[in-house]
PDB file of N, CA and C in Angstrom:
ATOM      1  N   MET A   1      29.703  -9.211   8.946  1.00  0.00           N
ATOM      2  CA  MET A   1      28.589  -9.701   9.552  1.00  0.00           C
ATOM      3  C   MET A   1      28.814 -10.024  10.911  1.00  0.00           C
ATOM      4  N   SER A   2      27.854  -9.709  11.935  1.00  0.00           N
ATOM      5  CA  SER A   2      28.055 -10.000  13.222  1.00  0.00           C
ATOM      6  C   SER A   2      28.002 -11.450  13.497  1.00  0.00           C
ATOM      7  N   TYR A   3      28.384 -11.827  14.788  1.00  0.00           N
ATOM      8  CA  TYR A   3      28.483 -13.096  15.158  1.00  0.00           C
ATOM      9  C   TYR A   3      28.064 -13.109  16.618  1.00  0.00           C
ATOM     10  N   VAL A   4      27.184 -14.179  16.855  1.00  0.00           N
ATOM     11  CA  VAL A   4      26.593 -14.365  18.314  1.00  0.00           C
ATOM     12  C   VAL A   4      27.069 -15.537  18.926  1.00  0.00           C
ATOM     13  N   GLN A   5      27.399 -15.523  20.132  1.00  0.00           N
ATOM     14  CA  GLN A   5      27.595 -16.783  21.006  1.00  0.00           C
ATOM     15  C   GLN A   5      26.431 -16.901  21.918  1.00  0.00           C
ATOM     16  N   GLY A   6      25.873 -17.986  22.057  1.00  0.00           N
ATOM     17  CA  GLY A   6      24.647 -18.378  22.891  1.00  0.00           C
ATOM     18  C   GLY A   6      25.014 -19.261  24.043  1.00  0.00           C
ATOM     19  N   PHE A   7      24.256 -19.010  25.204  1.00  0.00           N
ATOM     20  CA  PHE A   7      24.747 -19.761  26.300  1.00  0.00           C
ATOM     21  C   PHE A   7      23.356 -20.178  27.004  1.00  0.00           C
ATOM     22  N   LEU A   8      23.278 -21.320  27.565  1.00  0.00           N
ATOM     23  CA  LEU A   8      22.214 -21.988  28.194  1.00  0.00           C
ATOM     24  C   LEU A   8      22.779 -22.558  29.498  1.00  0.00           C
ATOM     25  N   LEU A   9      22.110 -22.247  30.551  1.00  0.00           N
ATOM     26  CA  LEU A   9      22.741 -22.827  31.822  1.00  0.00           C
ATOM     27  C   LEU A   9      21.710 -22.701  32.977  1.00  0.00           C
ATOM     28  N   ALA A  10      21.851 -23.616  34.012  1.00  0.00           N
ATOM     29  CA  ALA A  10      21.153 -23.583  35.281  1.00  0.00           C
ATOM     30  C   ALA A  10      21.876 -22.799  36.358  1.00  0.00           C
ATOM     31  N   VAL A  11      21.174 -21.936  37.002  1.00  0.00           N
ATOM     32  CA  VAL A  11      21.837 -21.154  38.088  1.00  0.00           C
ATOM     33  C   VAL A  11      21.061 -21.214  39.310  1.00  0.00           C
ATOM     34  N   PRO A  12      21.490 -21.817  40.473  1.00  0.00           N
ATOM     35  CA  PRO A  12      20.830 -21.889  41.775  1.00  0.00           C
ATOM     36  C   PRO A  12      20.140 -20.545  41.916  1.00  0.00           C
ATOM     37  N   GLU A  13      18.891 -20.443  42.382  1.00  0.00           N
ATOM     38  CA  GLU A  13      18.149 -19.125  42.694  1.00  0.00           C
ATOM     39  C   GLU A  13      18.801 -18.520  43.761  1.00  0.00           C
ATOM     40  N   ALA A  14      19.323 -19.192  44.759  1.00  0.00           N
ATOM     41  CA  ALA A  14      19.976 -18.485  45.925  1.00  0.00           C
ATOM     42  C   ALA A  14      21.318 -17.758  45.593  1.00  0.00           C
ATOM     43  N   ARG A  15      21.923 -18.175  44.309  1.00  0.00           N
ATOM     44  CA  ARG A  15      23.263 -17.454  43.649  1.00  0.00           C
ATOM     45  C   ARG A  15      22.966 -16.579  42.551  1.00  0.00           C
ATOM     46  N   LYS A  16      21.718 -16.056  42.512  1.00  0.00           N
ATOM     47  CA  LYS A  16      21.428 -15.242  41.521  1.00  0.00           C
ATOM     48  C   LYS A  16      22.395 -13.913  41.437  1.00  0.00           C
ATOM     49  N   ALA A  17      22.491 -13.142  42.626  1.00  0.00           N
ATOM     50  CA  ALA A  17      23.144 -12.042  42.856  1.00  0.00           C
ATOM     51  C   ALA A  17      24.752 -12.349  42.457  1.00  0.00           C
ATOM     52  N   GLU A  18      25.094 -13.430  42.850  1.00  0.00           N
ATOM     53  CA  GLU A  18      26.640 -13.902  42.628  1.00  0.00           C
ATOM     54  C   GLU A  18      26.743 -13.944  40.909  1.00  0.00           C
ATOM     55  N   TYR A  19      25.674 -14.535  40.316  1.00  0.00           N
ATOM     56  CA  TYR A  19      25.696 -14.929  38.897  1.00  0.00           C
ATOM     57  C   TYR A  19      25.871 -13.440  38.301  1.00  0.00           C
ATOM     58  N   ILE A  20      24.904 -12.713  38.649  1.00  0.00           N
ATOM     59  CA  ILE A  20      24.874 -11.257  37.988  1.00  0.00           C
ATOM     60  C   ILE A  20      26.095 -10.625  38.285  1.00  0.00           C
ATOM     61  N   ALA A  21      26.764 -10.582  39.356  1.00  0.00           N
ATOM     62  CA  ALA A  21      28.048  -9.868  39.600  1.00  0.00           C
ATOM     63  C   ALA A  21      29.095 -10.454  38.564  1.00  0.00           C
ATOM     64  N   LEU A  22      29.074 -11.977  38.322  1.00  0.00           N
ATOM     65  CA  LEU A  22      30.002 -12.416  37.566  1.00  0.00           C
ATOM     66  C   LEU A  22      29.860 -11.968  36.100  1.00  0.00           C
ATOM     67  N   ALA A  23      28.574 -11.991  35.712  1.00  0.00           N
ATOM     68  CA  ALA A  23      28.208 -11.651  34.347  1.00  0.00           C
ATOM     69  C   ALA A  23      28.632 -10.107  34.156  1.00  0.00           C
ATOM     70  N   GLU A  24      28.472  -9.271  35.179  1.00  0.00           N
ATOM     71  CA  GLU A  24      29.015  -7.912  35.004  1.00  0.00           C
ATOM     72  C   GLU A  24      30.499  -7.834  34.800  1.00  0.00           C
ATOM     73  N   ALA A  25      31.112  -8.537  35.641  1.00  0.00           N
ATOM     74  CA  ALA A  25      32.688  -8.596  35.384  1.00  0.00           C
ATOM     75  C   ALA A  25      33.139  -9.060  34.099  1.00  0.00           C
ATOM     76  N   VAL A  26      32.584 -10.112  33.686  1.00  0.00           N
ATOM     77  CA  VAL A  26      32.871 -10.685  32.285  1.00  0.00           C
ATOM     78  C   VAL A  26      32.645  -9.622  31.249  1.00  0.00           C
ATOM     79  N   TRP A  27      31.479  -8.906  31.497  1.00  0.00           N
ATOM     80  CA  TRP A  27      31.147  -8.027  30.530  1.00  0.00           C
ATOM     81  C   TRP A  27      32.194  -6.930  30.310  1.00  0.00           C
ATOM     82  N   GLU A  28      32.663  -6.422  31.468  1.00  0.00           N
ATOM     83  CA  GLU A  28      33.786  -5.373  31.384  1.00  0.00           C
ATOM     84  C   GLU A  28      35.055  -5.952  30.590  1.00  0.00           C
ATOM     85  N   VAL A  29      35.361  -7.113  30.847  1.00  0.00           N
ATOM     86  CA  VAL A  29      36.531  -7.815  30.128  1.00  0.00           C
ATOM     87  C   VAL A  29      36.130  -7.875  28.702  1.00  0.00           C
ATOM     88  N   ALA A  30      34.967  -8.421  28.290  1.00  0.00           N
ATOM     89  CA  ALA A  30      34.527  -8.657  26.952  1.00  0.00           C
ATOM     90  C   ALA A  30      34.592  -7.503  26.279  1.00  0.00           C
ATOM     91  N   ARG A  31      33.819  -6.417  26.613  1.00  0.00           N
ATOM     92  CA  ARG A  31      33.627  -5.320  26.106  1.00  0.00           C
ATOM     93  C   ARG A  31      35.053  -4.599  25.631  1.00  0.00           C
ATOM     94  N   ASP A  32      36.016  -4.633  26.676  1.00  0.00           N
ATOM     95  CA  ASP A  32      37.333  -4.098  26.215  1.00  0.00           C
ATOM     96  C   ASP A  32      37.989  -4.944  25.232  1.00  0.00           C
ATOM     97  N   HIS A  33      37.701  -6.040  24.923  1.00  0.00           N
ATOM     98  CA  HIS A  33      38.189  -6.985  23.860  1.00  0.00           C
ATOM     99  C   HIS A  33      37.412  -7.074  22.632  1.00  0.00           C
ATOM    100  N   GLY A  34      36.361  -6.080  22.532  1.00  0.00           N
ATOM    101  CA  GLY A  34      35.626  -6.016  21.269  1.00  0.00           C
ATOM    102  C   GLY A  34      34.272  -6.506  21.201  1.00  0.00           C
ATOM    103  N   CYS A  35      33.672  -7.018  22.389  1.00  0.00           N
ATOM    104  CA  CYS A  35      32.216  -7.419  22.388  1.00  0.00           C
ATOM    105  C   CYS A  35      31.386  -6.255  22.211  1.00  0.00           C
ATOM    106  N   LEU A  36      30.330  -6.431  21.369  1.00  0.00           N
ATOM    107  CA  LEU A  36      29.424  -5.374  21.245  1.00  0.00           C
ATOM    108  C   LEU A  36      28.254  -5.329  22.408  1.00  0.00           C
ATOM    109  N   ALA A  37      27.776  -6.499  22.687  1.00  0.00           N
ATOM    110  CA  ALA A  37      26.714  -6.650  23.639  1.00  0.00           C
ATOM    111  C   ALA A  37      26.806  -7.893  24.409  1.00  0.00           C
ATOM    112  N   LEU A  38      26.102  -7.855  25.603  1.00  0.00           N
ATOM    113  CA  LEU A  38      25.935  -8.943  26.430  1.00  0.00           C
ATOM    114  C   LEU A  38      24.446  -8.902  26.931  1.00  0.00           C
ATOM    115  N   ARG A  39      23.738 -10.066  26.724  1.00  0.00           N
ATOM    116  CA  ARG A  39      22.459 -10.179  27.392  1.00  0.00           C
ATOM    117  C   ARG A  39      22.220 -11.392  28.168  1.00  0.00           C
ATOM    118  N   GLU A  40      21.934 -11.215  29.475  1.00  0.00           N
ATOM    119  CA  GLU A  40      21.716 -12.133  30.362  1.00  0.00           C
ATOM    120  C   GLU A  40      20.354 -12.193  30.708  1.00  0.00           C
ATOM    121  N   ASN A  41      19.731 -13.315  30.644  1.00  0.00           N
ATOM    122  CA  ASN A  41      18.258 -13.256  30.751  1.00  0.00           C
ATOM    123  C   ASN A  41      17.874 -14.500  31.880  1.00  0.00           C
ATOM    124  N   TRP A  42      17.337 -14.024  32.857  1.00  0.00           N
ATOM    125  CA  TRP A  42      16.783 -14.988  33.973  1.00  0.00           C
ATOM    126  C   TRP A  42      15.552 -15.461  33.696  1.00  0.00           C
ATOM    127  N   GLY A  43      15.282 -16.929  33.599  1.00  0.00           N
ATOM    128  CA  GLY A  43      14.163 -17.493  33.236  1.00  0.00           C
ATOM    129  C   GLY A  43      12.987 -17.295  34.201  1.00  0.00           C
ATOM    130  N   VAL A  44      11.808 -16.720  33.665  1.00  0.00           N
ATOM    131  CA  VAL A  44      10.602 -16.499  34.377  1.00  0.00           C
ATOM    132  C   VAL A  44       9.517 -17.267  33.773  1.00  0.00           C
ATOM    133  N   ASP A  45       9.483 -17.693  32.647  1.00  0.00           N
ATOM    134  CA  ASP A  45       8.452 -18.405  32.060  1.00  0.00           C
ATOM    135  C   ASP A  45       9.032 -19.595  31.149  1.00  0.00           C
ATOM    136  N   VAL A  46       9.613 -20.659  31.854  1.00  0.00           N
ATOM    137  CA  VAL A  46      10.350 -21.586  31.157  1.00  0.00           C
ATOM    138  C   VAL A  46       9.631 -22.970  31.337  1.00  0.00           C
ATOM    139  N   PRO A  47       8.668 -23.311  30.716  1.00  0.00           N
ATOM    140  CA  PRO A  47       8.164 -24.593  31.099  1.00  0.00           C
ATOM    141  C   PRO A  47       8.747 -25.856  30.713  1.00  0.00           C
ATOM    142  N   ASP A  48       8.430 -26.881  31.483  1.00  0.00           N
ATOM    143  CA  ASP A  48       8.967 -28.060  31.137  1.00  0.00           C
ATOM    144  C   ASP A  48       8.355 -28.606  29.893  1.00  0.00           C
ATOM    145  N   GLY A  49       9.143 -29.531  29.112  1.00  0.00           N
ATOM    146  CA  GLY A  49       8.602 -30.158  27.929  1.00  0.00           C
ATOM    147  C   GLY A  49       8.200 -31.441  28.036  1.00  0.00           C
ATOM    148  N   THR A  50       7.643 -32.080  27.061  1.00  0.00           N
ATOM    149  CA  THR A  50       7.279 -33.550  27.024  1.00  0.00           C
ATOM    150  C   THR A  50       8.569 -34.216  26.350  1.00  0.00           C
ATOM    151  N   VAL A  51       9.103 -33.673  25.193  1.00  0.00           N
ATOM    152  CA  VAL A  51      10.232 -34.333  24.462  1.00  0.00           C
ATOM    153  C   VAL A  51      11.545 -33.513  24.711  1.00  0.00           C
ATOM    154  N   THR A  52      11.305 -32.131  24.785  1.00  0.00           N
ATOM    155  CA  THR A  52      12.650 -31.349  24.958  1.00  0.00           C
ATOM    156  C   THR A  52      12.095 -30.069  25.580  1.00  0.00           C
ATOM    157  N   SER A  53      13.040 -29.360  26.203  1.00  0.00           N
ATOM    158  CA  SER A  53      12.830 -27.944  26.711  1.00  0.00           C
ATOM    159  C   SER A  53      14.016 -27.347  27.293  1.00  0.00           C
ATOM    160  N   PHE A  54      14.048 -26.205  27.508  1.00  0.00           N
ATOM    161  CA  PHE A  54      15.309 -25.581  28.238  1.00  0.00           C
ATOM    162  C   PHE A  54      15.493 -26.364  29.469  1.00  0.00           C
ATOM    163  N   PRO A  55      14.401 -26.497  30.434  1.00  0.00           N
ATOM    164  CA  PRO A  55      14.850 -27.100  31.659  1.00  0.00           C
ATOM    165  C   PRO A  55      15.467 -28.531  31.379  1.00  0.00           C
ATOM    166  N   MET A  56      14.866 -29.283  30.531  1.00  0.00           N
ATOM    167  CA  MET A  56      15.620 -30.685  30.223  1.00  0.00           C
ATOM    168  C   MET A  56      16.959 -30.381  29.698  1.00  0.00           C
ATOM    169  N   ALA A  57      17.158 -29.583  28.892  1.00  0.00           N
ATOM    170  CA  ALA A  57      18.404 -29.472  28.257  1.00  0.00           C
ATOM    171  C   ALA A  57      19.610 -29.123  29.282  1.00  0.00           C
ATOM    172  N   VAL A  58      19.129 -28.506  30.396  1.00  0.00           N
ATOM    173  CA  VAL A  58      20.331 -28.170  31.338  1.00  0.00           C
ATOM    174  C   VAL A  58      20.149 -29.142  32.629  1.00  0.00           C
ATOM    175  N   LYS A  59      19.260 -30.070  32.549  1.00  0.00           N
ATOM    176  CA  LYS A  59      18.925 -30.829  33.824  1.00  0.00           C
ATOM    177  C   LYS A  59      18.760 -30.117  34.823  1.00  0.00           C
ATOM    178  N   LEU A  60      17.636 -29.088  34.801  1.00  0.00           N
ATOM    179  CA  LEU A  60      17.362 -28.268  35.794  1.00  0.00           C
ATOM    180  C   LEU A  60      16.734 -28.942  37.046  1.00  0.00           C
ATOM    181  N   ALA A  61      17.514 -28.542  38.234  1.00  0.00           N
ATOM    182  CA  ALA A  61      17.205 -29.216  39.535  1.00  0.00           C
ATOM    183  C   ALA A  61      16.300 -28.307  40.320  1.00  0.00           C
ATOM    184  N   ALA A  62      15.732 -28.750  41.245  1.00  0.00           N
ATOM    185  CA  ALA A  62      15.005 -27.869  42.244  1.00  0.00           C
ATOM    186  C   ALA A  62      15.805 -26.855  42.819  1.00  0.00           C
ATOM    187  N   GLY A  63      15.291 -25.571  42.876  1.00  0.00           N
ATOM    188  CA  GLY A  63      15.850 -24.349  43.413  1.00  0.00           C
ATOM    189  C   GLY A  63      16.785 -23.840  42.422  1.00  0.00           C
ATOM    190  N   GLU A  64      16.786 -24.136  41.041  1.00  0.00           N
ATOM    191  CA  GLU A  64      17.443 -23.419  39.989  1.00  0.00           C
ATOM    192  C   GLU A  64      16.636 -22.833  38.889  1.00  0.00           C
ATOM    193  N   THR A  65      17.350 -21.927  38.245  1.00  0.00           N
ATOM    194  CA  THR A  65      16.545 -21.227  37.191  1.00  0.00           C
ATOM    195  C   THR A  65      17.313 -21.229  35.974  1.00  0.00           C
ATOM    196  N   VAL A  66      16.500 -21.459  34.603  1.00  0.00           N
ATOM    197  CA  VAL A  66      17.334 -21.496  33.376  1.00  0.00           C
ATOM    198  C   VAL A  66      17.915 -20.023  33.229  1.00  0.00           C
ATOM    199  N   VAL A  67      19.102 -19.806  32.720  1.00  0.00           N
ATOM    200  CA  VAL A  67      19.618 -18.701  32.202  1.00  0.00           C
ATOM    201  C   VAL A  67      19.869 -18.764  30.730  1.00  0.00           C
ATOM    202  N   PHE A  68      19.352 -17.710  29.849  1.00  0.00           N
ATOM    203  CA  PHE A  68      19.600 -17.824  28.478  1.00  0.00           C
ATOM    204  C   PHE A  68      20.341 -16.721  28.143  1.00  0.00           C
ATOM    205  N   ALA A  69      21.530 -16.589  27.641  1.00  0.00           N
ATOM    206  CA  ALA A  69      22.363 -15.566  27.349  1.00  0.00           C
ATOM    207  C   ALA A  69      23.104 -15.412  26.007  1.00  0.00           C
ATOM    208  N   TRP A  70      23.473 -14.285  25.648  1.00  0.00           N
ATOM    209  CA  TRP A  70      24.126 -14.156  24.359  1.00  0.00           C
ATOM    210  C   TRP A  70      25.169 -13.169  24.327  1.00  0.00           C
ATOM    211  N   MET A  71      26.250 -13.151  23.564  1.00  0.00           N
ATOM    212  CA  MET A  71      27.146 -12.188  23.445  1.00  0.00           C
ATOM    213  C   MET A  71      27.275 -11.803  21.860  1.00  0.00           C
ATOM    214  N   GLU A  72      27.265 -10.571  21.498  1.00  0.00           N
ATOM    215  CA  GLU A  72      27.342 -10.253  20.153  1.00  0.00           C
ATOM    216  C   GLU A  72      28.646  -9.595  19.989  1.00  0.00           C
ATOM    217  N   TRP A  73      29.235 -10.019  18.735  1.00  0.00           N
ATOM    218  CA  TRP A  73      30.679  -9.835  18.434  1.00  0.00           C
ATOM    219  C   TRP A  73      30.554  -9.057  16.922  1.00  0.00           C
ATOM    220  N   PRO A  74      31.508  -8.171  16.634  1.00  0.00           N
ATOM    221  CA  PRO A  74      31.420  -7.815  15.264  1.00  0.00           C
ATOM    222  C   PRO A  74      31.580  -8.945  14.072  1.00  0.00           C
ATOM    223  N   ASP A  75      32.358  -9.934  14.406  1.00  0.00           N
ATOM    224  CA  ASP A  75      32.449 -11.066  13.624  1.00  0.00           C
ATOM    225  C   ASP A  75      33.282 -12.143  14.370  1.00  0.00           C
ATOM    226  N   ARG A  76      33.133 -13.365  13.578  1.00  0.00           N
ATOM    227  CA  ARG A  76      33.735 -14.542  14.281  1.00  0.00           C
ATOM    228  C   ARG A  76      35.286 -14.256  14.618  1.00  0.00           C
ATOM    229  N   GLU A  77      35.989 -13.808  13.769  1.00  0.00           N
ATOM    230  CA  GLU A  77      37.310 -13.603  14.070  1.00  0.00           C
ATOM    231  C   GLU A  77      37.658 -12.846  15.140  1.00  0.00           C
ATOM    232  N   THR A  78      36.991 -11.627  15.366  1.00  0.00           N
ATOM    233  CA  THR A  78      37.118 -10.773  16.660  1.00  0.00           C
ATOM    234  C   THR A  78      36.573 -11.575  17.914  1.00  0.00           C
ATOM    235  N   CYS A  79      35.754 -12.413  17.972  1.00  0.00           N
ATOM    236  CA  CYS A  79      35.253 -13.263  19.024  1.00  0.00           C
ATOM    237  C   CYS A  79      36.293 -14.146  19.358  1.00  0.00           C
ATOM    238  N   GLU A  80      37.060 -14.978  18.421  1.00  0.00           N
ATOM    239  CA  GLU A  80      37.968 -15.999  18.716  1.00  0.00           C
ATOM    240  C   GLU A  80      39.231 -15.278  19.079  1.00  0.00           C
ATOM    241  N   ALA A  81      39.567 -14.208  18.524  1.00  0.00           N
ATOM    242  CA  ALA A  81      40.790 -13.377  19.021  1.00  0.00           C
ATOM    243  C   ALA A  81      40.539 -12.840  20.611  1.00  0.00           C
ATOM    244  N   ALA A  82      39.480 -12.436  20.788  1.00  0.00           N
ATOM    245  CA  ALA A  82      39.053 -11.824  22.125  1.00  0.00           C
ATOM    246  C   ALA A  82      39.180 -12.976  23.065  1.00  0.00           C
ATOM    247  N   HIS A  83      38.574 -14.235  22.772  1.00  0.00           N
ATOM    248  CA  HIS A  83      38.662 -15.180  24.015  1.00  0.00           C
ATOM    249  C   HIS A  83      40.029 -15.619  24.285  1.00  0.00           C
ATOM    250  N   ARG A  84      40.950 -15.549  23.153  1.00  0.00           N
ATOM    251  CA  ARG A  84      42.350 -15.933  23.415  1.00  0.00           C
ATOM    252  C   ARG A  84      42.879 -14.892  24.275  1.00  0.00           C
ATOM    253  N   SER A  85      42.809 -13.534  24.027  1.00  0.00           N
ATOM    254  CA  SER A  85      43.417 -12.404  24.810  1.00  0.00           C
ATOM    255  C   SER A  85      42.776 -12.299  26.131  1.00  0.00           C
ATOM    256  N   MET A  86      41.391 -12.524  26.220  1.00  0.00           N
ATOM    257  CA  MET A  86      40.751 -12.414  27.327  1.00  0.00           C
ATOM    258  C   MET A  86      41.288 -13.495  28.415  1.00  0.00           C
ATOM    259  N   MET A  87      41.770 -14.529  27.954  1.00  0.00           N
ATOM    260  CA  MET A  87      42.324 -15.687  29.058  1.00  0.00           C
ATOM    261  C   MET A  87      43.656 -15.026  29.597  1.00  0.00           C
ATOM    262  N   GLU A  88      44.221 -14.006  28.943  1.00  0.00           N
ATOM    263  CA  GLU A  88      45.512 -13.526  29.379  1.00  0.00           C
ATOM    264  C   GLU A  88      45.280 -12.087  30.222  1.00  0.00           C
ATOM    265  N   ASP A  89      44.051 -11.670  30.026  1.00  0.00           N
ATOM    266  CA  ASP A  89      43.548 -10.429  30.888  1.00  0.00           C
ATOM    267  C   ASP A  89      43.727 -10.670  32.392  1.00  0.00           C
ATOM    268  N   PRO A  90      44.184  -9.967  33.149  1.00  0.00           N
ATOM    269  CA  PRO A  90      44.506 -10.127  34.658  1.00  0.00           C
ATOM    270  C   PRO A  90      43.066 -10.083  35.241  1.00  0.00           C
ATOM    271  N   ARG A  91      42.099  -9.519  34.738  1.00  0.00           N
ATOM    272  CA  ARG A  91      40.755  -9.459  35.296  1.00  0.00           C
ATOM    273  C   ARG A  91      40.194 -10.810  35.226  1.00  0.00           C
ATOM    274  N   MET A  92      40.387 -11.517  34.018  1.00  0.00           N
ATOM    275  CA  MET A  92      39.907 -12.997  34.007  1.00  0.00           C
ATOM    276  C   MET A  92      40.654 -13.936  34.741  1.00  0.00           C
ATOM    277  N   GLN A  93      42.051 -13.492  34.810  1.00  0.00           N
ATOM    278  CA  GLN A  93      42.828 -14.542  35.652  1.00  0.00           C
ATOM    279  C   GLN A  93      42.528 -14.574  37.084  1.00  0.00           C
ATOM    280  N   ALA A  94      41.969 -13.372  37.505  1.00  0.00           N
ATOM    281  CA  ALA A  94      41.634 -13.231  38.918  1.00  0.00           C
ATOM    282  C   ALA A  94      40.188 -14.040  39.363  1.00  0.00           C
ATOM    283  N   MET A  95      39.391 -14.289  38.263  1.00  0.00           N
ATOM    284  CA  MET A  95      38.418 -15.056  38.399  1.00  0.00           C
ATOM    285  C   MET A  95      38.489 -16.565  38.394  1.00  0.00           C
ATOM    286  N   HIS A  96      39.606 -16.915  37.766  1.00  0.00           N
ATOM    287  CA  HIS A  96      39.891 -18.381  37.675  1.00  0.00           C
ATOM    288  C   HIS A  96      40.209 -18.840  39.163  1.00  0.00           C
ATOM    289  N   GLY A  97      39.859 -19.943  39.526  1.00  0.00           N
ATOM    290  CA  GLY A  97      40.080 -20.603  40.924  1.00  0.00           C
ATOM    291  C   GLY A  97      38.921 -20.425  41.680  1.00  0.00           C
ATOM    292  N   ARG A  98      38.054 -19.523  41.268  1.00  0.00           N
ATOM    293  CA  ARG A  98      36.846 -19.283  42.162  1.00  0.00           C
ATOM    294  C   ARG A  98      35.786 -20.215  41.631  1.00  0.00           C
ATOM    295  N   LYS A  99      35.046 -20.833  42.599  1.00  0.00           N
ATOM    296  CA  LYS A  99      34.034 -21.557  42.184  1.00  0.00           C
ATOM    297  C   LYS A  99      32.711 -20.833  41.552  1.00  0.00           C
ATOM    298  N   PRO A 100      32.382 -21.155  40.259  1.00  0.00           N
ATOM    299  CA  PRO A 100      31.434 -20.413  39.392  1.00  0.00           C
ATOM    300  C   PRO A 100      30.015 -20.661  40.294  1.00  0.00           C
ATOM    301  N   PRO A 101      29.049 -19.676  40.018  1.00  0.00           N
ATOM    302  CA  PRO A 101      27.612 -19.748  40.708  1.00  0.00           C
ATOM    303  C   PRO A 101      26.782 -20.737  39.796  1.00  0.00           C
ATOM    304  N   PHE A 102      27.330 -21.693  38.969  1.00  0.00           N
ATOM    305  CA  PHE A 102      26.543 -22.649  38.348  1.00  0.00           C
ATOM    306  C   PHE A 102      27.397 -23.774  37.955  1.00  0.00           C
ATOM    307  N   ASP A 103      26.692 -24.932  37.582  1.00  0.00           N
ATOM    308  CA  ASP A 103      27.621 -26.035  37.312  1.00  0.00           C
ATOM    309  C   ASP A 103      27.872 -25.979  35.814  1.00  0.00           C
ATOM    310  N   GLY A 104      29.033 -25.761  35.438  1.00  0.00           N
ATOM    311  CA  GLY A 104      29.679 -25.676  33.933  1.00  0.00           C
ATOM    312  C   GLY A 104      29.321 -26.905  33.355  1.00  0.00           C
ATOM    313  N   MET A 105      29.357 -28.129  33.878  1.00  0.00           N
ATOM    314  CA  MET A 105      29.008 -29.301  33.102  1.00  0.00           C
ATOM    315  C   MET A 105      27.661 -29.421  32.551  1.00  0.00           C
ATOM    316  N   ARG A 106      26.706 -28.528  33.050  1.00  0.00           N
ATOM    317  CA  ARG A 106      25.434 -28.490  32.475  1.00  0.00           C
ATOM    318  C   ARG A 106      25.219 -27.233  31.636  1.00  0.00           C
ATOM    319  N   MET A 107      26.175 -26.559  31.480  1.00  0.00           N
ATOM    320  CA  MET A 107      26.110 -25.311  30.644  1.00  0.00           C
ATOM    321  C   MET A 107      26.381 -25.757  29.173  1.00  0.00           C
ATOM    322  N   MET A 108      25.601 -25.052  28.186  1.00  0.00           N
ATOM    323  CA  MET A 108      25.847 -25.347  26.747  1.00  0.00           C
ATOM    324  C   MET A 108      26.032 -23.975  25.981  1.00  0.00           C
ATOM    325  N   TRP A 109      26.747 -24.103  24.860  1.00  0.00           N
ATOM    326  CA  TRP A 109      27.095 -22.867  24.256  1.00  0.00           C
ATOM    327  C   TRP A 109      27.320 -23.031  22.782  1.00  0.00           C
ATOM    328  N   GLY A 110      27.310 -22.121  22.008  1.00  0.00           N
ATOM    329  CA  GLY A 110      27.590 -22.349  20.663  1.00  0.00           C
ATOM    330  C   GLY A 110      27.734 -20.808  19.924  1.00  0.00           C
ATOM    331  N   GLY A 111      28.410 -20.900  18.708  1.00  0.00           N
ATOM    332  CA  GLY A 111      28.527 -19.595  17.868  1.00  0.00           C
ATOM    333  C   GLY A 111      27.542 -19.723  16.711  1.00  0.00           C
ATOM    334  N   PHE A 112      26.988 -18.510  16.404  1.00  0.00           N
ATOM    335  CA  PHE A 112      25.906 -18.438  15.379  1.00  0.00           C
ATOM    336  C   PHE A 112      26.268 -17.275  14.514  1.00  0.00           C
ATOM    337  N   ALA A 113      25.759 -17.400  13.202  1.00  0.00           N
ATOM    338  CA  ALA A 113      25.826 -16.387  12.250  1.00  0.00           C
ATOM    339  C   ALA A 113      24.286 -15.912  12.153  1.00  0.00           C
ATOM    340  N   PRO A 114      24.029 -14.666  12.401  1.00  0.00           N
ATOM    341  CA  PRO A 114      22.678 -14.263  12.330  1.00  0.00           C
ATOM    342  C   PRO A 114      22.093 -14.273  10.846  1.00  0.00           C
ATOM    343  N   VAL A 115      20.932 -14.646  10.575  1.00  0.00           N
ATOM    344  CA  VAL A 115      20.357 -14.655   9.413  1.00  0.00           C
ATOM    345  C   VAL A 115      19.053 -13.798   9.366  1.00  0.00           C
ATOM    346  N   VAL A 116      18.440 -13.422  10.434  1.00  0.00           N
ATOM    347  CA  VAL A 116      17.404 -12.447  10.434  1.00  0.00           C
ATOM    348  C   VAL A 116      17.748 -11.456  11.741  1.00  0.00           C
ATOM    349  N   ASP A 117      17.849 -10.299  11.536  1.00  0.00           N
ATOM    350  CA  ASP A 117      18.198  -9.439  12.798  1.00  0.00           C
ATOM    351  C   ASP A 117      17.118  -8.077  12.410  1.00  0.00           C
ATOM    352  N   ARG A 118      16.090  -8.071  12.871  1.00  0.00           N
ATOM    353  CA  ARG A 118      15.095  -6.968  12.728  1.00  0.00           C
ATOM    354  C   ARG A 118      14.802  -6.299  14.024  1.00  0.00           C
ATOM    355  N   ARG A 119      14.594  -4.849  14.211  1.00  0.00           N
ATOM    356  CA  ARG A 119      14.415  -4.264  15.442  1.00  0.00           C
ATOM    357  C   ARG A 119      13.497  -3.164  15.201  1.00  0.00           C
ATOM    358  N   ALA A 120      12.668  -2.955  16.043  1.00  0.00           N
ATOM    359  CA  ALA A 120      11.587  -1.780  16.055  1.00  0.00           C
ATOM    360  C   ALA A 120      12.435  -0.589  16.428  1.00  0.00           C
TER     361      ALA A 120
END
């Protein structure tokens, strides 16, 4: 059964192109380590909530947009092994030390086992 990693973060609107470039670079590495799909989604209709919301979850600041992303893997074992080997990949090591185009302290992520997966 497939395994999905989900990500929610706030990205400054002025750094959108930089974020997309980073996502593309990470995809190249992840794909080579077994990732089946990467979806990066720029928020266009992400309303504030009263009790909870995506903007509240990432402590969205003025000039930022919510990004909702996920990676699909064949299974959890492949994902976990890939993350270990990806950290040793020279392409990922080249990205370390660069300031990311978002505040990693406000990013959240988790792993999920799909229970319904229907497509038209």
